[in-house]
Amino acid sequence: MNKQARHFAIKEIISTRAIRSQEELRLELRKRGIDVTQATLSRDLRDLGVGRGIAGQGLKYLMQPEAEVKILRPVVGAEVLSIGANESTIVIRTLPGCANSVGEYVDVQNHPGIIGTLAGDNAVLVIPASQKSVNDIVQYLKAKLIEGS
């Protein structure tokens, strides 16, 4: 099992289950055929930017937004084909099957002028907070998604 596959499994487990300890995570990984030491697991959690936060009835491991940005940044630029807008709506065209990751990247930026996104297969609808801010948001998205700044 390579590091990338192990990281994917960790992210999947953390996002679908309330994992409260490294030992609990290690056992979940073992159920998937991934045997990992505590030291390796600690390094993986640090590399992924996983932290502990309050959720429901106590602490659990969570992906931190900054970590998602770091993970997604190199990927999304290659997935975006174009960004267009009319007076009230912004549409980001992506490669087929890539809209979800681009939409997630936009969402974790927490831009105050963006209410939210809706992703299909190859397009992301970006909903601005105000019609007046559409042009500014388009420039912001081009800088983030295409230019990588």
Protein backbone atom coordinates (compact mmCIF):
# COMPACT_ATOMS: atom_id res chain seq x y z
CA MET A 1 0.00 0.00 0.00
CA ASN A 2 1.55 3.30 -1.02
CA LYS A 3 1.38 6.56 0.91
CA GLN A 4 -1.13 8.18 -1.46
CA ALA A 5 -3.58 5.27 -1.12
CA ARG A 6 -3.14 5.28 2.66
CA HIS A 7 -3.82 9.03 2.80
CA PHE A 8 -6.94 8.56 0.67
CA ALA A 9 -8.19 5.85 3.05
CA ILE A 10 -7.52 8.05 6.09
CA LYS A 11 -9.43 10.98 4.57
CA GLU A 12 -12.32 8.70 3.63
CA ILE A 13 -12.54 7.17 7.11
CA ILE A 14 -12.34 10.53 8.89
CA SER A 15 -14.99 12.07 6.66
CA THR A 16 -17.47 9.20 7.09
CA ARG A 17 -17.01 8.10 10.71
CA ALA A 18 -16.48 9.75 14.09
CA ILE A 19 -12.91 8.69 14.85
CA ARG A 20 -11.82 9.74 18.33
CA SER A 21 -8.32 8.24 18.64
CA GLN A 22 -5.36 7.12 16.58
CA GLU A 23 -5.90 3.57 17.78
CA GLU A 24 -9.49 3.64 16.53
CA LEU A 25 -8.26 4.97 13.17
CA ARG A 26 -5.52 2.32 13.03
CA LEU A 27 -8.13 -0.41 13.58
CA GLU A 28 -10.33 1.00 10.80
CA LEU A 29 -7.35 1.03 8.47
CA ARG A 30 -6.54 -2.55 9.41
CA LYS A 31 -10.12 -3.56 8.44
CA ARG A 32 -9.25 -2.22 4.97
CA GLY A 33 -6.07 -4.23 4.82
CA ILE A 34 -3.78 -1.34 5.72
CA ASP A 35 -1.41 -2.16 8.57
CA VAL A 36 0.29 0.97 9.85
CA THR A 37 2.40 1.85 12.88
CA GLN A 38 1.42 4.58 15.30
CA ALA A 39 4.43 6.67 14.22
CA THR A 40 3.47 6.44 10.54
CA LEU A 41 -0.14 7.25 11.36
CA SER A 42 0.94 10.31 13.35
CA ARG A 43 3.03 11.51 10.39
CA ASP A 44 0.15 10.89 7.99
CA LEU A 45 -2.26 12.89 10.15
CA ARG A 46 0.24 15.75 10.34
CA ASP A 47 0.88 15.64 6.56
CA LEU A 48 -2.85 15.70 5.85
CA GLY A 49 -3.45 18.56 8.29
CA VAL A 50 -5.90 16.50 10.32
CA GLY A 51 -6.81 17.99 13.68
CA ARG A 52 -9.19 17.20 16.49
CA GLY A 53 -12.36 19.16 16.95
CA ILE A 54 -15.60 19.04 18.88
CA ALA A 55 -18.35 17.18 17.07
CA GLY A 56 -21.49 15.88 18.67
CA GLN A 57 -20.57 14.08 21.87
CA GLY A 58 -16.87 14.87 22.05
CA LEU A 59 -13.64 15.24 20.18
CA LYS A 60 -13.02 13.60 16.81
CA TYR A 61 -10.51 13.89 13.99
CA LEU A 62 -11.40 16.44 11.30
CA MET A 63 -9.83 17.64 8.08
CA GLN A 64 -8.81 21.25 8.53
CA PRO A 65 -9.87 23.69 5.76
CA GLU A 66 -6.27 24.87 5.32
CA ALA A 67 -5.23 21.29 4.70
CA GLU A 68 -7.93 20.86 2.07
CA VAL A 69 -6.72 23.98 0.29
CA LYS A 70 -3.14 22.69 0.34
CA ILE A 71 -4.20 19.29 -0.99
CA LEU A 72 -6.55 20.63 -3.68
CA ARG A 73 -4.47 23.60 -4.94
CA PRO A 74 -2.20 21.67 -7.34
CA VAL A 75 -5.12 19.69 -8.73
CA VAL A 76 -7.81 22.29 -9.41
CA GLY A 77 -5.79 24.52 -11.73
CA ALA A 78 -5.43 21.69 -14.21
CA GLU A 79 -9.13 20.85 -13.98
CA VAL A 80 -10.54 24.30 -14.81
CA LEU A 81 -11.29 25.02 -18.48
CA SER A 82 -13.02 28.41 -18.23
CA ILE A 83 -14.79 30.85 -15.94
CA GLY A 84 -17.74 32.86 -17.22
CA ALA A 85 -20.50 35.00 -15.76
CA ASN A 86 -23.63 36.95 -16.50
CA GLU A 87 -25.11 39.68 -14.32
CA SER A 88 -25.90 37.37 -11.41
CA THR A 89 -24.24 33.98 -11.79
CA ILE A 90 -20.76 32.58 -12.27
CA VAL A 91 -20.05 29.26 -14.01
CA ILE A 92 -16.74 27.43 -13.85
CA ARG A 93 -16.34 24.84 -16.62
CA THR A 94 -14.13 21.87 -15.72
CA LEU A 95 -12.87 18.66 -17.22
CA PRO A 96 -15.49 15.87 -17.00
CA GLY A 97 -15.85 14.53 -13.48
CA CYS A 98 -13.83 17.35 -11.90
CA ALA A 99 -16.49 19.84 -10.82
CA ASN A 100 -16.80 18.47 -7.27
CA SER A 101 -13.15 19.01 -6.40
CA VAL A 102 -13.18 22.51 -7.91
CA GLY A 103 -16.39 23.35 -6.04
CA GLU A 104 -14.91 22.07 -2.78
CA TYR A 105 -11.79 24.17 -3.35
CA VAL A 106 -13.93 27.29 -3.88
CA ASP A 107 -16.01 26.47 -0.79
CA VAL A 108 -13.06 26.05 1.57
CA GLN A 109 -11.73 29.47 0.54
CA ASN A 110 -14.63 30.96 2.56
CA HIS A 111 -14.81 34.06 0.37
CA PRO A 112 -17.34 36.44 1.96
CA GLY A 113 -18.77 37.35 -1.45
CA ILE A 114 -19.69 33.75 -2.30
CA ILE A 115 -22.82 32.26 -0.77
CA GLY A 116 -22.08 28.78 -2.07
CA THR A 117 -21.45 26.48 -4.99
CA LEU A 118 -23.33 23.75 -6.78
CA ALA A 119 -21.27 21.19 -8.70
CA GLY A 120 -22.35 18.90 -11.48
CA ASP A 121 -20.07 16.69 -13.55
CA ASN A 122 -18.20 19.34 -15.53
CA ALA A 123 -19.52 22.67 -14.26
CA VAL A 124 -19.67 24.55 -10.98
CA LEU A 125 -22.32 27.17 -10.35
CA VAL A 126 -20.95 29.88 -8.05
CA ILE A 127 -23.60 31.94 -6.30
CA PRO A 128 -22.42 35.45 -5.36
CA ALA A 129 -23.75 37.29 -2.32
CA SER A 130 -24.48 40.32 -4.47
CA GLN A 131 -24.88 41.01 -8.17
CA LYS A 132 -22.56 43.98 -7.71
CA SER A 133 -19.70 41.66 -6.74
CA VAL A 134 -19.87 39.28 -9.73
CA ASN A 135 -16.96 40.87 -11.64
CA ASP A 136 -14.76 41.01 -8.52
CA ILE A 137 -15.50 37.36 -7.72
CA VAL A 138 -14.73 36.32 -11.31
CA GLN A 139 -11.33 38.03 -11.03
CA TYR A 140 -10.75 36.40 -7.64
CA LEU A 141 -11.63 32.94 -9.01
CA LYS A 142 -9.38 33.39 -12.03
CA ALA A 143 -6.51 34.35 -9.73
CA LYS A 144 -7.13 31.37 -7.42
CA LEU A 145 -8.02 28.70 -9.95
CA ILE A 146 -6.14 29.57 -13.10
CA GLU A 147 -3.17 31.65 -11.98
CA GLY A 148 -2.73 29.78 -8.69
CA SER A 149 -2.24 32.83 -6.50
